PDB file of N, CA and C in Angstrom:
ATOM      1  N   UNK A   1     126.719   5.091 -52.513  1.00  0.00           N
ATOM      2  CA  UNK A   1     126.825   6.243 -51.756  1.00  0.00           C
ATOM      3  C   UNK A   1     126.121   6.072 -50.389  1.00  0.00           C
ATOM      4  N   UNK A   2     126.931   6.383 -49.451  1.00  0.00           N
ATOM      5  CA  UNK A   2     126.446   6.013 -48.090  1.00  0.00           C
ATOM      6  C   UNK A   2     125.553   6.967 -47.761  1.00  0.00           C
ATOM      7  N   UNK A   3     124.502   6.919 -46.652  1.00  0.00           N
ATOM      8  CA  UNK A   3     123.572   7.642 -46.137  1.00  0.00           C
ATOM      9  C   UNK A   3     124.041   8.769 -45.591  1.00  0.00           C
ATOM     10  N   UNK A   4     125.458   8.746 -44.859  1.00  0.00           N
ATOM     11  CA  UNK A   4     126.044   9.716 -44.122  1.00  0.00           C
ATOM     12  C   UNK A   4     126.161  10.890 -45.127  1.00  0.00           C
ATOM     13  N   UNK A   5     126.380  10.801 -46.179  1.00  0.00           N
ATOM     14  CA  UNK A   5     126.634  11.891 -47.193  1.00  0.00           C
ATOM     15  C   UNK A   5     125.430  12.870 -47.369  1.00  0.00           C
ATOM     16  N   UNK A   6     124.246  12.303 -47.047  1.00  0.00           N
ATOM     17  CA  UNK A   6     123.148  13.293 -47.178  1.00  0.00           C
ATOM     18  C   UNK A   6     123.209  14.178 -45.785  1.00  0.00           C
ATOM     19  N   UNK A   7     124.008  14.002 -44.991  1.00  0.00           N
ATOM     20  CA  UNK A   7     124.176  15.163 -43.754  1.00  0.00           C
ATOM     21  C   UNK A   7     125.749  15.668 -43.718  1.00  0.00           C
ATOM     22  N   UNK A   8     126.427  15.118 -44.521  1.00  0.00           N
ATOM     23  CA  UNK A   8     127.972  15.520 -44.486  1.00  0.00           C
ATOM     24  C   UNK A   8     128.114  16.908 -45.032  1.00  0.00           C
ATOM     25  N   UNK A   9     128.376  18.083 -44.012  1.00  0.00           N
ATOM     26  CA  UNK A   9     128.599  19.291 -44.650  1.00  0.00           C
ATOM     27  C   UNK A   9     129.722  19.725 -45.612  1.00  0.00           C
ATOM     28  N   UNK A  10     130.637  18.706 -45.514  1.00  0.00           N
ATOM     29  CA  UNK A  10     131.992  18.902 -46.323  1.00  0.00           C
ATOM     30  C   UNK A  10     131.821  18.054 -47.774  1.00  0.00           C
ATOM     31  N   UNK A  11     130.494  17.824 -48.115  1.00  0.00           N
ATOM     32  CA  UNK A  11     130.210  17.063 -49.507  1.00  0.00           C
ATOM     33  C   UNK A  11     129.744  18.064 -50.389  1.00  0.00           C
ATOM     34  N   UNK A  12     129.943  17.876 -51.652  1.00  0.00           N
ATOM     35  CA  UNK A  12     129.340  18.608 -52.630  1.00  0.00           C
ATOM     36  C   UNK A  12     128.020  18.858 -52.403  1.00  0.00           C
ATOM     37  N   UNK A  13     127.128  19.588 -52.928  1.00  0.00           N
ATOM     38  CA  UNK A  13     125.505  20.014 -52.608  1.00  0.00           C
ATOM     39  C   UNK A  13     124.972  18.692 -53.763  1.00  0.00           C
ATOM     40  N   UNK A  14     125.367  18.370 -54.715  1.00  0.00           N
ATOM     41  CA  UNK A  14     124.840  17.569 -55.765  1.00  0.00           C
ATOM     42  C   UNK A  14     124.818  16.141 -54.868  1.00  0.00           C
ATOM     43  N   UNK A  15     126.064  15.834 -54.440  1.00  0.00           N
ATOM     44  CA  UNK A  15     126.399  14.401 -53.821  1.00  0.00           C
ATOM     45  C   UNK A  15     125.166  14.282 -52.485  1.00  0.00           C
ATOM     46  N   UNK A  16     125.077  15.241 -51.831  1.00  0.00           N
ATOM     47  CA  UNK A  16     124.173  15.588 -50.558  1.00  0.00           C
ATOM     48  C   UNK A  16     122.698  15.273 -51.197  1.00  0.00           C
ATOM     49  N   UNK A  17     122.391  15.951 -52.297  1.00  0.00           N
ATOM     50  CA  UNK A  17     120.963  15.907 -52.927  1.00  0.00           C
ATOM     51  C   UNK A  17     120.843  14.346 -53.363  1.00  0.00           C
ATOM     52  N   UNK A  18     121.635  13.865 -53.881  1.00  0.00           N
ATOM     53  CA  UNK A  18     121.551  12.410 -54.541  1.00  0.00           C
ATOM     54  C   UNK A  18     121.666  11.477 -53.346  1.00  0.00           C
ATOM     55  N   UNK A  19     122.233  11.657 -52.374  1.00  0.00           N
ATOM     56  CA  UNK A  19     122.152  10.718 -51.132  1.00  0.00           C
ATOM     57  C   UNK A  19     120.810  10.577 -50.674  1.00  0.00           C
ATOM     58  N   UNK A  20     119.932  11.537 -50.734  1.00  0.00           N
ATOM     59  CA  UNK A  20     118.747  11.270 -50.130  1.00  0.00           C
ATOM     60  C   UNK A  20     117.679  10.607 -51.037  1.00  0.00           C
ATOM     61  N   UNK A  21     118.295  10.331 -52.336  1.00  0.00           N
ATOM     62  CA  UNK A  21     117.361   9.798 -53.369  1.00  0.00           C
ATOM     63  C   UNK A  21     117.932   8.428 -53.918  1.00  0.00           C
ATOM     64  N   UNK A  22     119.110   8.266 -53.347  1.00  0.00           N
ATOM     65  CA  UNK A  22     119.933   7.112 -53.621  1.00  0.00           C
ATOM     66  C   UNK A  22     119.261   5.717 -53.350  1.00  0.00           C
ATOM     67  N   UNK A  23     119.192   4.921 -54.402  1.00  0.00           N
ATOM     68  CA  UNK A  23     118.482   3.790 -54.153  1.00  0.00           C
ATOM     69  C   UNK A  23     117.547   3.353 -55.499  1.00  0.00           C
ATOM     70  N   UNK A  24     117.149   2.331 -55.348  1.00  0.00           N
ATOM     71  CA  UNK A  24     116.288   1.728 -56.493  1.00  0.00           C
ATOM     72  C   UNK A  24     114.891   2.401 -56.422  1.00  0.00           C
ATOM     73  N   UNK A  25     114.572   2.614 -55.518  1.00  0.00           N
ATOM     74  CA  UNK A  25     112.918   3.108 -55.306  1.00  0.00           C
ATOM     75  C   UNK A  25     112.651   4.382 -54.865  1.00  0.00           C
ATOM     76  N   UNK A  26     113.583   5.199 -54.159  1.00  0.00           N
ATOM     77  CA  UNK A  26     113.299   6.520 -53.789  1.00  0.00           C
ATOM     78  C   UNK A  26     112.693   7.518 -54.854  1.00  0.00           C
ATOM     79  N   UNK A  27     113.444   7.523 -55.948  1.00  0.00           N
ATOM     80  CA  UNK A  27     112.983   8.368 -56.977  1.00  0.00           C
ATOM     81  C   UNK A  27     111.483   8.238 -57.403  1.00  0.00           C
ATOM     82  N   UNK A  28     111.222   6.923 -57.576  1.00  0.00           N
ATOM     83  CA  UNK A  28     109.876   6.418 -57.994  1.00  0.00           C
ATOM     84  C   UNK A  28     108.648   6.912 -56.675  1.00  0.00           C
ATOM     85  N   UNK A  29     109.147   6.632 -55.619  1.00  0.00           N
ATOM     86  CA  UNK A  29     108.404   6.938 -54.395  1.00  0.00           C
ATOM     87  C   UNK A  29     108.056   8.467 -54.310  1.00  0.00           C
ATOM     88  N   UNK A  30     109.243   9.194 -54.646  1.00  0.00           N
ATOM     89  CA  UNK A  30     108.914  10.749 -54.715  1.00  0.00           C
ATOM     90  C   UNK A  30     108.120  11.093 -55.912  1.00  0.00           C
ATOM     91  N   UNK A  31     108.137  10.432 -56.947  1.00  0.00           N
ATOM     92  CA  UNK A  31     107.258  10.845 -57.925  1.00  0.00           C
ATOM     93  C   UNK A  31     105.782  10.568 -57.718  1.00  0.00           C
ATOM     94  N   UNK A  32     105.457   9.185 -56.931  1.00  0.00           N
ATOM     95  CA  UNK A  32     104.316   8.783 -56.707  1.00  0.00           C
ATOM     96  C   UNK A  32     103.790   9.623 -55.817  1.00  0.00           C
ATOM     97  N   UNK A  33     104.333  10.237 -54.579  1.00  0.00           N
ATOM     98  CA  UNK A  33     103.763  10.820 -53.634  1.00  0.00           C
ATOM     99  C   UNK A  33     103.425  12.320 -54.142  1.00  0.00           C
ATOM    100  N   UNK A  34     104.172  12.822 -55.313  1.00  0.00           N
ATOM    101  CA  UNK A  34     103.698  14.194 -55.651  1.00  0.00           C
ATOM    102  C   UNK A  34     102.322  14.263 -56.042  1.00  0.00           C
ATOM    103  N   UNK A  35     101.556  13.213 -56.541  1.00  0.00           N
ATOM    104  CA  UNK A  35     100.214  13.334 -56.711  1.00  0.00           C
ATOM    105  C   UNK A  35      99.510  13.548 -55.754  1.00  0.00           C
ATOM    106  N   UNK A  36     100.112  13.024 -54.252  1.00  0.00           N
ATOM    107  CA  UNK A  36      99.001  13.335 -53.098  1.00  0.00           C
ATOM    108  C   UNK A  36      99.610  12.200 -51.990  1.00  0.00           C
ATOM    109  N   UNK A  37      98.985  12.314 -50.992  1.00  0.00           N
ATOM    110  CA  UNK A  37      99.207  11.256 -50.060  1.00  0.00           C
ATOM    111  C   UNK A  37      98.879   9.912 -50.332  1.00  0.00           C
ATOM    112  N   UNK A  38      99.436   8.899 -49.949  1.00  0.00           N
ATOM    113  CA  UNK A  38      99.321   7.308 -50.394  1.00  0.00           C
ATOM    114  C   UNK A  38      99.557   6.696 -49.028  1.00  0.00           C
ATOM    115  N   UNK A  39      98.718   5.577 -49.057  1.00  0.00           N
ATOM    116  CA  UNK A  39      98.932   4.439 -48.019  1.00  0.00           C
ATOM    117  C   UNK A  39     100.115   3.496 -48.543  1.00  0.00           C
ATOM    118  N   UNK A  40     100.828   2.908 -47.636  1.00  0.00           N
ATOM    119  CA  UNK A  40     101.880   2.034 -47.954  1.00  0.00           C
ATOM    120  C   UNK A  40     101.316   0.858 -49.044  1.00  0.00           C
ATOM    121  N   UNK A  41      99.904   0.365 -48.818  1.00  0.00           N
ATOM    122  CA  UNK A  41      99.440  -0.785 -49.675  1.00  0.00           C
ATOM    123  C   UNK A  41      99.447  -0.188 -50.909  1.00  0.00           C
ATOM    124  N   UNK A  42      98.868   0.813 -51.215  1.00  0.00           N
ATOM    125  CA  UNK A  42      98.773   1.559 -52.564  1.00  0.00           C
ATOM    126  C   UNK A  42     100.158   1.834 -53.142  1.00  0.00           C
ATOM    127  N   UNK A  43     100.803   2.255 -52.538  1.00  0.00           N
ATOM    128  CA  UNK A  43     102.402   2.370 -52.981  1.00  0.00           C
ATOM    129  C   UNK A  43     102.879   1.200 -53.515  1.00  0.00           C
ATOM    130  N   UNK A  44     102.869   0.051 -52.804  1.00  0.00           N
ATOM    131  CA  UNK A  44     103.160  -1.254 -53.136  1.00  0.00           C
ATOM    132  C   UNK A  44     102.730  -1.904 -54.263  1.00  0.00           C
ATOM    133  N   UNK A  45     101.271  -1.609 -54.269  1.00  0.00           N
ATOM    134  CA  UNK A  45     100.565  -1.984 -55.627  1.00  0.00           C
ATOM    135  C   UNK A  45     101.167  -1.176 -56.804  1.00  0.00           C
ATOM    136  N   UNK A  46     101.559  -0.092 -56.644  1.00  0.00           N
ATOM    137  CA  UNK A  46     101.960   0.491 -58.087  1.00  0.00           C
ATOM    138  C   UNK A  46     103.488   0.686 -58.334  1.00  0.00           C
ATOM    139  N   UNK A  47     103.851  -0.218 -57.455  1.00  0.00           N
ATOM    140  CA  UNK A  47     105.544  -0.441 -57.559  1.00  0.00           C
ATOM    141  C   UNK A  47     105.639  -2.186 -57.711  1.00  0.00           C
ATOM    142  N   UNK A  48     105.461  -2.718 -58.730  1.00  0.00           N
ATOM    143  CA  UNK A  48     105.923  -4.126 -58.849  1.00  0.00           C
ATOM    144  C   UNK A  48     107.361  -4.476 -58.356  1.00  0.00           C
ATOM    145  N   UNK A  49     107.394  -5.437 -57.579  1.00  0.00           N
ATOM    146  CA  UNK A  49     108.647  -5.742 -57.389  1.00  0.00           C
ATOM    147  C   UNK A  49     109.127  -5.446 -56.058  1.00  0.00           C
ATOM    148  N   UNK A  50     108.668  -4.440 -55.415  1.00  0.00           N
ATOM    149  CA  UNK A  50     109.161  -4.069 -54.095  1.00  0.00           C
ATOM    150  C   UNK A  50     108.423  -4.772 -53.098  1.00  0.00           C
ATOM    151  N   UNK A  51     109.322  -5.068 -52.059  1.00  0.00           N
ATOM    152  CA  UNK A  51     108.844  -5.906 -50.956  1.00  0.00           C
ATOM    153  C   UNK A  51     108.421  -4.992 -49.837  1.00  0.00           C
ATOM    154  N   UNK A  52     107.684  -5.419 -49.208  1.00  0.00           N
ATOM    155  CA  UNK A  52     107.067  -4.564 -47.844  1.00  0.00           C
ATOM    156  C   UNK A  52     108.126  -4.108 -47.111  1.00  0.00           C
ATOM    157  N   UNK A  53     109.059  -5.103 -46.753  1.00  0.00           N
ATOM    158  CA  UNK A  53     110.288  -4.388 -45.890  1.00  0.00           C
ATOM    159  C   UNK A  53     111.158  -3.436 -46.503  1.00  0.00           C
ATOM    160  N   UNK A  54     111.319  -3.570 -47.943  1.00  0.00           N
ATOM    161  CA  UNK A  54     112.097  -2.522 -48.620  1.00  0.00           C
ATOM    162  C   UNK A  54     111.365  -1.176 -48.651  1.00  0.00           C
ATOM    163  N   UNK A  55     109.966  -1.520 -49.013  1.00  0.00           N
ATOM    164  CA  UNK A  55     109.341  -0.187 -49.037  1.00  0.00           C
ATOM    165  C   UNK A  55     109.193   0.491 -47.764  1.00  0.00           C
ATOM    166  N   UNK A  56     108.723  -0.064 -46.583  1.00  0.00           N
ATOM    167  CA  UNK A  56     109.079   0.582 -45.289  1.00  0.00           C
ATOM    168  C   UNK A  56     110.568   1.182 -44.977  1.00  0.00           C
ATOM    169  N   UNK A  57     111.430   0.263 -45.542  1.00  0.00           N
ATOM    170  CA  UNK A  57     112.805   1.086 -45.184  1.00  0.00           C
ATOM    171  C   UNK A  57     112.977   2.490 -46.032  1.00  0.00           C
ATOM    172  N   UNK A  58     112.663   2.135 -47.166  1.00  0.00           N
ATOM    173  CA  UNK A  58     112.900   3.524 -48.054  1.00  0.00           C
ATOM    174  C   UNK A  58     112.044   4.747 -47.478  1.00  0.00           C
ATOM    175  N   UNK A  59     110.766   4.399 -47.137  1.00  0.00           N
ATOM    176  CA  UNK A  59     109.812   5.452 -46.488  1.00  0.00           C
ATOM    177  C   UNK A  59     110.259   5.872 -45.322  1.00  0.00           C
ATOM    178  N   UNK A  60     110.990   5.199 -44.448  1.00  0.00           N
ATOM    179  CA  UNK A  60     111.465   5.625 -42.986  1.00  0.00           C
ATOM    180  C   UNK A  60     112.715   6.255 -43.387  1.00  0.00           C
ATOM    181  N   UNK A  61     113.523   5.986 -44.170  1.00  0.00           N
ATOM    182  CA  UNK A  61     114.835   6.953 -44.678  1.00  0.00           C
ATOM    183  C   UNK A  61     114.454   8.266 -45.337  1.00  0.00           C
ATOM    184  N   UNK A  62     113.331   8.075 -45.974  1.00  0.00           N
ATOM    185  CA  UNK A  62     112.891   9.329 -46.570  1.00  0.00           C
ATOM    186  C   UNK A  62     112.202  10.371 -45.541  1.00  0.00           C
ATOM    187  N   UNK A  63     111.561   9.669 -44.587  1.00  0.00           N
ATOM    188  CA  UNK A  63     110.997  10.279 -43.462  1.00  0.00           C
ATOM    189  C   UNK A  63     112.234  10.909 -42.509  1.00  0.00           C
ATOM    190  N   UNK A  64     113.295  10.411 -42.212  1.00  0.00           N
ATOM    191  CA  UNK A  64     114.449  10.627 -41.504  1.00  0.00           C
ATOM    192  C   UNK A  64     115.053  11.884 -42.258  1.00  0.00           C
ATOM    193  N   UNK A  65     115.065  11.787 -43.567  1.00  0.00           N
ATOM    194  CA  UNK A  65     115.710  13.080 -44.345  1.00  0.00           C
ATOM    195  C   UNK A  65     114.801  14.303 -44.605  1.00  0.00           C
ATOM    196  N   UNK A  66     113.770  13.999 -43.837  1.00  0.00           N
ATOM    197  CA  UNK A  66     112.649  15.217 -44.170  1.00  0.00           C
ATOM    198  C   UNK A  66     111.931  15.389 -45.389  1.00  0.00           C
ATOM    199  N   UNK A  67     111.839  14.088 -46.235  1.00  0.00           N
ATOM    200  CA  UNK A  67     111.187  14.335 -47.527  1.00  0.00           C
ATOM    201  C   UNK A  67     109.816  13.951 -47.452  1.00  0.00           C
ATOM    202  N   UNK A  68     109.585  13.246 -46.415  1.00  0.00           N
ATOM    203  CA  UNK A  68     107.858  12.569 -46.464  1.00  0.00           C
ATOM    204  C   UNK A  68     107.670  12.698 -45.064  1.00  0.00           C
ATOM    205  N   UNK A  69     106.373  12.768 -44.833  1.00  0.00           N
ATOM    206  CA  UNK A  69     105.461  13.103 -43.601  1.00  0.00           C
ATOM    207  C   UNK A  69     104.696  11.466 -43.457  1.00  0.00           C
ATOM    208  N   UNK A  70     104.949  11.146 -42.161  1.00  0.00           N
ATOM    209  CA  UNK A  70     104.079   9.812 -41.894  1.00  0.00           C
ATOM    210  C   UNK A  70     103.108  10.121 -40.942  1.00  0.00           C
ATOM    211  N   UNK A  71     101.892   9.929 -41.366  1.00  0.00           N
ATOM    212  CA  UNK A  71     100.647  10.052 -40.352  1.00  0.00           C
ATOM    213  C   UNK A  71     100.080   8.860 -40.192  1.00  0.00           C
ATOM    214  N   UNK A  72     100.008   8.707 -38.907  1.00  0.00           N
ATOM    215  CA  UNK A  72      99.384   7.386 -38.476  1.00  0.00           C
ATOM    216  C   UNK A  72      98.135   7.869 -37.775  1.00  0.00           C
ATOM    217  N   UNK A  73      96.821   7.214 -38.288  1.00  0.00           N
ATOM    218  CA  UNK A  73      95.625   7.479 -37.841  1.00  0.00           C
ATOM    219  C   UNK A  73      95.257   6.395 -36.705  1.00  0.00           C
ATOM    220  N   UNK A  74      94.636   6.840 -35.330  1.00  0.00           N
ATOM    221  CA  UNK A  74      94.364   6.024 -34.311  1.00  0.00           C
ATOM    222  C   UNK A  74      93.136   5.306 -34.661  1.00  0.00           C
ATOM    223  N   UNK A  75      92.924   4.233 -35.509  1.00  0.00           N
ATOM    224  CA  UNK A  75      91.628   3.662 -35.895  1.00  0.00           C
ATOM    225  C   UNK A  75      92.234   2.112 -35.741  1.00  0.00           C
ATOM    226  N   UNK A  76      90.977   1.233 -35.890  1.00  0.00           N
ATOM    227  CA  UNK A  76      91.268  -0.134 -36.142  1.00  0.00           C
ATOM    228  C   UNK A  76      90.950  -0.701 -37.220  1.00  0.00           C
ATOM    229  N   UNK A  77      91.578  -1.484 -38.205  1.00  0.00           N
ATOM    230  CA  UNK A  77      93.185  -1.387 -38.044  1.00  0.00           C
ATOM    231  C   UNK A  77      93.874  -0.237 -38.000  1.00  0.00           C
ATOM    232  N   UNK A  78      94.850  -0.033 -37.722  1.00  0.00           N
ATOM    233  CA  UNK A  78      95.691   1.381 -37.681  1.00  0.00           C
ATOM    234  C   UNK A  78      95.932   1.756 -39.389  1.00  0.00           C
ATOM    235  N   UNK A  79      95.899   2.874 -39.532  1.00  0.00           N
ATOM    236  CA  UNK A  79      95.870   3.432 -40.885  1.00  0.00           C
ATOM    237  C   UNK A  79      97.287   4.471 -41.036  1.00  0.00           C
ATOM    238  N   UNK A  80      98.017   4.296 -41.893  1.00  0.00           N
ATOM    239  CA  UNK A  80      99.111   4.905 -42.088  1.00  0.00           C
ATOM    240  C   UNK A  80      99.266   5.519 -43.421  1.00  0.00           C
ATOM    241  N   UNK A  81      99.496   6.841 -43.455  1.00  0.00           N
ATOM    242  CA  UNK A  81      99.399   7.647 -44.686  1.00  0.00           C
ATOM    243  C   UNK A  81     100.794   8.508 -45.006  1.00  0.00           C
ATOM    244  N   UNK A  82     101.481   8.483 -46.190  1.00  0.00           N
ATOM    245  CA  UNK A  82     102.639   9.072 -46.606  1.00  0.00           C
ATOM    246  C   UNK A  82     102.450  10.085 -47.537  1.00  0.00           C
ATOM    247  N   UNK A  83     103.104  11.324 -47.204  1.00  0.00           N
ATOM    248  CA  UNK A  83     102.852  12.701 -48.128  1.00  0.00           C
ATOM    249  C   UNK A  83     104.236  13.135 -48.231  1.00  0.00           C
ATOM    250  N   UNK A  84     104.410  14.125 -49.181  1.00  0.00           N
ATOM    251  CA  UNK A  84     105.582  14.901 -49.267  1.00  0.00           C
ATOM    252  C   UNK A  84     105.506  15.960 -48.249  1.00  0.00           C
ATOM    253  N   UNK A  85     106.561  16.130 -47.878  1.00  0.00           N
ATOM    254  CA  UNK A  85     106.829  17.452 -46.949  1.00  0.00           C
ATOM    255  C   UNK A  85     107.188  18.691 -47.763  1.00  0.00           C
ATOM    256  N   UNK A  86     107.189  19.813 -47.352  1.00  0.00           N
ATOM    257  CA  UNK A  86     107.764  20.977 -48.197  1.00  0.00           C
ATOM    258  C   UNK A  86     108.900  20.831 -48.770  1.00  0.00           C
ATOM    259  N   UNK A  87     109.801  20.030 -47.972  1.00  0.00           N
ATOM    260  CA  UNK A  87     111.372  19.786 -48.481  1.00  0.00           C
ATOM    261  C   UNK A  87     111.307  18.681 -49.656  1.00  0.00           C
ATOM    262  N   UNK A  88     110.478  17.779 -49.527  1.00  0.00           N
ATOM    263  CA  UNK A  88     110.145  16.727 -50.429  1.00  0.00           C
ATOM    264  C   UNK A  88     109.633  17.451 -51.995  1.00  0.00           C
ATOM    265  N   UNK A  89     108.763  18.389 -51.697  1.00  0.00           N
ATOM    266  CA  UNK A  89     108.126  18.923 -52.799  1.00  0.00           C
ATOM    267  C   UNK A  89     109.312  19.612 -53.445  1.00  0.00           C
ATOM    268  N   UNK A  90     110.050  20.287 -52.618  1.00  0.00           N
ATOM    269  CA  UNK A  90     111.092  21.378 -53.191  1.00  0.00           C
ATOM    270  C   UNK A  90     112.148  20.604 -53.835  1.00  0.00           C
ATOM    271  N   UNK A  91     112.574  19.315 -53.425  1.00  0.00           N
ATOM    272  CA  UNK A  91     113.314  18.454 -54.066  1.00  0.00           C
ATOM    273  C   UNK A  91     112.823  17.847 -55.489  1.00  0.00           C
ATOM    274  N   UNK A  92     111.578  17.703 -55.302  1.00  0.00           N
ATOM    275  CA  UNK A  92     110.691  17.184 -56.489  1.00  0.00           C
ATOM    276  C   UNK A  92     110.750  18.054 -57.615  1.00  0.00           C
ATOM    277  N   UNK A  93     110.575  19.365 -57.421  1.00  0.00           N
ATOM    278  CA  UNK A  93     110.726  20.325 -58.276  1.00  0.00           C
ATOM    279  C   UNK A  93     112.287  20.508 -58.811  1.00  0.00           C
ATOM    280  N   UNK A  94     113.092  20.659 -57.858  1.00  0.00           N
ATOM    281  CA  UNK A  94     114.529  20.639 -58.391  1.00  0.00           C
ATOM    282  C   UNK A  94     114.882  19.338 -59.249  1.00  0.00           C
ATOM    283  N   UNK A  95     114.560  18.184 -59.192  1.00  0.00           N
ATOM    284  CA  UNK A  95     114.665  17.087 -60.027  1.00  0.00           C
ATOM    285  C   UNK A  95     113.982  17.167 -61.192  1.00  0.00           C
ATOM    286  N   UNK A  96     112.898  17.827 -61.379  1.00  0.00           N
ATOM    287  CA  UNK A  96     112.171  17.787 -62.825  1.00  0.00           C
ATOM    288  C   UNK A  96     113.053  18.237 -63.956  1.00  0.00           C
ATOM    289  N   UNK A  97     113.916  19.186 -63.792  1.00  0.00           N
ATOM    290  CA  UNK A  97     114.758  19.272 -65.238  1.00  0.00           C
ATOM    291  C   UNK A  97     115.796  18.321 -65.173  1.00  0.00           C
ATOM    292  N   UNK A  98     116.272  17.513 -64.166  1.00  0.00           N
ATOM    293  CA  UNK A  98     116.891  16.279 -64.498  1.00  0.00           C
ATOM    294  C   UNK A  98     116.009  15.127 -65.127  1.00  0.00           C
ATOM    295  N   UNK A  99     114.766  15.050 -64.695  1.00  0.00           N
ATOM    296  CA  UNK A  99     113.992  14.078 -65.308  1.00  0.00           C
ATOM    297  C   UNK A  99     113.772  14.452 -66.798  1.00  0.00           C
ATOM    298  N   UNK A 100     113.393  15.786 -67.086  1.00  0.00           N
ATOM    299  CA  UNK A 100     113.493  16.159 -68.433  1.00  0.00           C
ATOM    300  C   UNK A 100     114.502  15.760 -69.350  1.00  0.00           C
ATOM    301  N   UNK A 101     115.636  16.005 -68.644  1.00  0.00           N
ATOM    302  CA  UNK A 101     117.017  15.674 -69.377  1.00  0.00           C
ATOM    303  C   UNK A 101     117.028  14.281 -69.615  1.00  0.00           C
ATOM    304  N   UNK A 102     116.756  13.322 -68.652  1.00  0.00           N
ATOM    305  CA  UNK A 102     116.748  11.887 -68.839  1.00  0.00           C
ATOM    306  C   UNK A 102     115.718  11.586 -70.027  1.00  0.00           C
ATOM    307  N   UNK A 103     114.650  11.980 -69.948  1.00  0.00           N
ATOM    308  CA  UNK A 103     113.639  11.712 -71.085  1.00  0.00           C
ATOM    309  C   UNK A 103     114.250  12.125 -72.674  1.00  0.00           C
ATOM    310  N   UNK A 104     114.875  13.215 -72.600  1.00  0.00           N
ATOM    311  CA  UNK A 104     115.449  13.396 -73.951  1.00  0.00           C
ATOM    312  C   UNK A 104     116.431  12.594 -74.421  1.00  0.00           C
ATOM    313  N   UNK A 105     117.437  12.062 -73.461  1.00  0.00           N
ATOM    314  CA  UNK A 105     118.341  11.289 -73.509  1.00  0.00           C
ATOM    315  C   UNK A 105     117.955   9.771 -74.022  1.00  0.00           C
ATOM    316  N   UNK A 106     116.913   9.317 -73.317  1.00  0.00           N
ATOM    317  CA  UNK A 106     116.177   8.019 -73.812  1.00  0.00           C
ATOM    318  C   UNK A 106     115.535   8.229 -75.169  1.00  0.00           C
ATOM    319  N   UNK A 107     115.071   9.456 -75.439  1.00  0.00           N
ATOM    320  CA  UNK A 107     114.642   9.630 -76.813  1.00  0.00           C
ATOM    321  C   UNK A 107     115.639   9.457 -78.039  1.00  0.00           C
ATOM    322  N   UNK A 108     116.749  10.115 -77.391  1.00  0.00           N
ATOM    323  CA  UNK A 108     117.873  10.343 -78.455  1.00  0.00           C
ATOM    324  C   UNK A 108     118.221   9.135 -78.719  1.00  0.00           C
ATOM    325  N   UNK A 109     118.512   8.140 -77.736  1.00  0.00           N
ATOM    326  CA  UNK A 109     119.050   6.888 -77.621  1.00  0.00           C
ATOM    327  C   UNK A 109     117.962   5.789 -78.748  1.00  0.00           C
ATOM    328  N   UNK A 110     116.841   6.012 -78.410  1.00  0.00           N
ATOM    329  CA  UNK A 110     116.008   5.137 -79.097  1.00  0.00           C
ATOM    330  C   UNK A 110     115.838   5.559 -80.659  1.00  0.00           C
ATOM    331  N   UNK A 111     116.039   6.898 -81.054  1.00  0.00           N
ATOM    332  CA  UNK A 111     116.361   7.208 -82.373  1.00  0.00           C
ATOM    333  C   UNK A 111     117.531   6.647 -82.986  1.00  0.00           C
ATOM    334  N   UNK A 112     118.711   6.770 -82.254  1.00  0.00           N
ATOM    335  CA  UNK A 112     119.997   6.166 -82.674  1.00  0.00           C
ATOM    336  C   UNK A 112     119.851   4.767 -83.096  1.00  0.00           C
ATOM    337  N   UNK A 113     119.209   3.917 -82.096  1.00  0.00           N
ATOM    338  CA  UNK A 113     118.938   2.600 -82.030  1.00  0.00           C
ATOM    339  C   UNK A 113     118.005   2.148 -83.447  1.00  0.00           C
ATOM    340  N   UNK A 114     117.103   2.864 -83.618  1.00  0.00           N
ATOM    341  CA  UNK A 114     116.229   2.831 -84.607  1.00  0.00           C
ATOM    342  C   UNK A 114     116.982   2.983 -86.126  1.00  0.00           C
ATOM    343  N   UNK A 115     117.749   4.034 -86.356  1.00  0.00           N
ATOM    344  CA  UNK A 115     118.456   4.369 -87.162  1.00  0.00           C
ATOM    345  C   UNK A 115     119.521   3.337 -87.742  1.00  0.00           C
ATOM    346  N   UNK A 116     120.053   2.541 -86.627  1.00  0.00           N
ATOM    347  CA  UNK A 116     120.987   1.816 -87.160  1.00  0.00           C
ATOM    348  C   UNK A 116     120.567   0.123 -87.318  1.00  0.00           C
TER     349      UNK A 116
END
């Protein structure tokens, strides 16, 4: 899905919502930021396998989409903190039932595998 769909007024609402969390890491970042503000290094340690470049790109896209707030503190060395915006928290709440559905599906699949 292209990033332009996140702002396309002629697209289905679900597609517009999915466009802002599309990608391998954004839903995980959203979930981690639900617990409160995090520095990029903290996020990187909690997400094995993500590179600094990809983390920065995902956070910048989420900031551009209005989901996260980036706060830079004027200290040496510079300190950056990311937190969810109101819109990011709203999206997180909206995704909670989808997460619940996903967990129920995974539980069902595990039971089916165990039974076979």
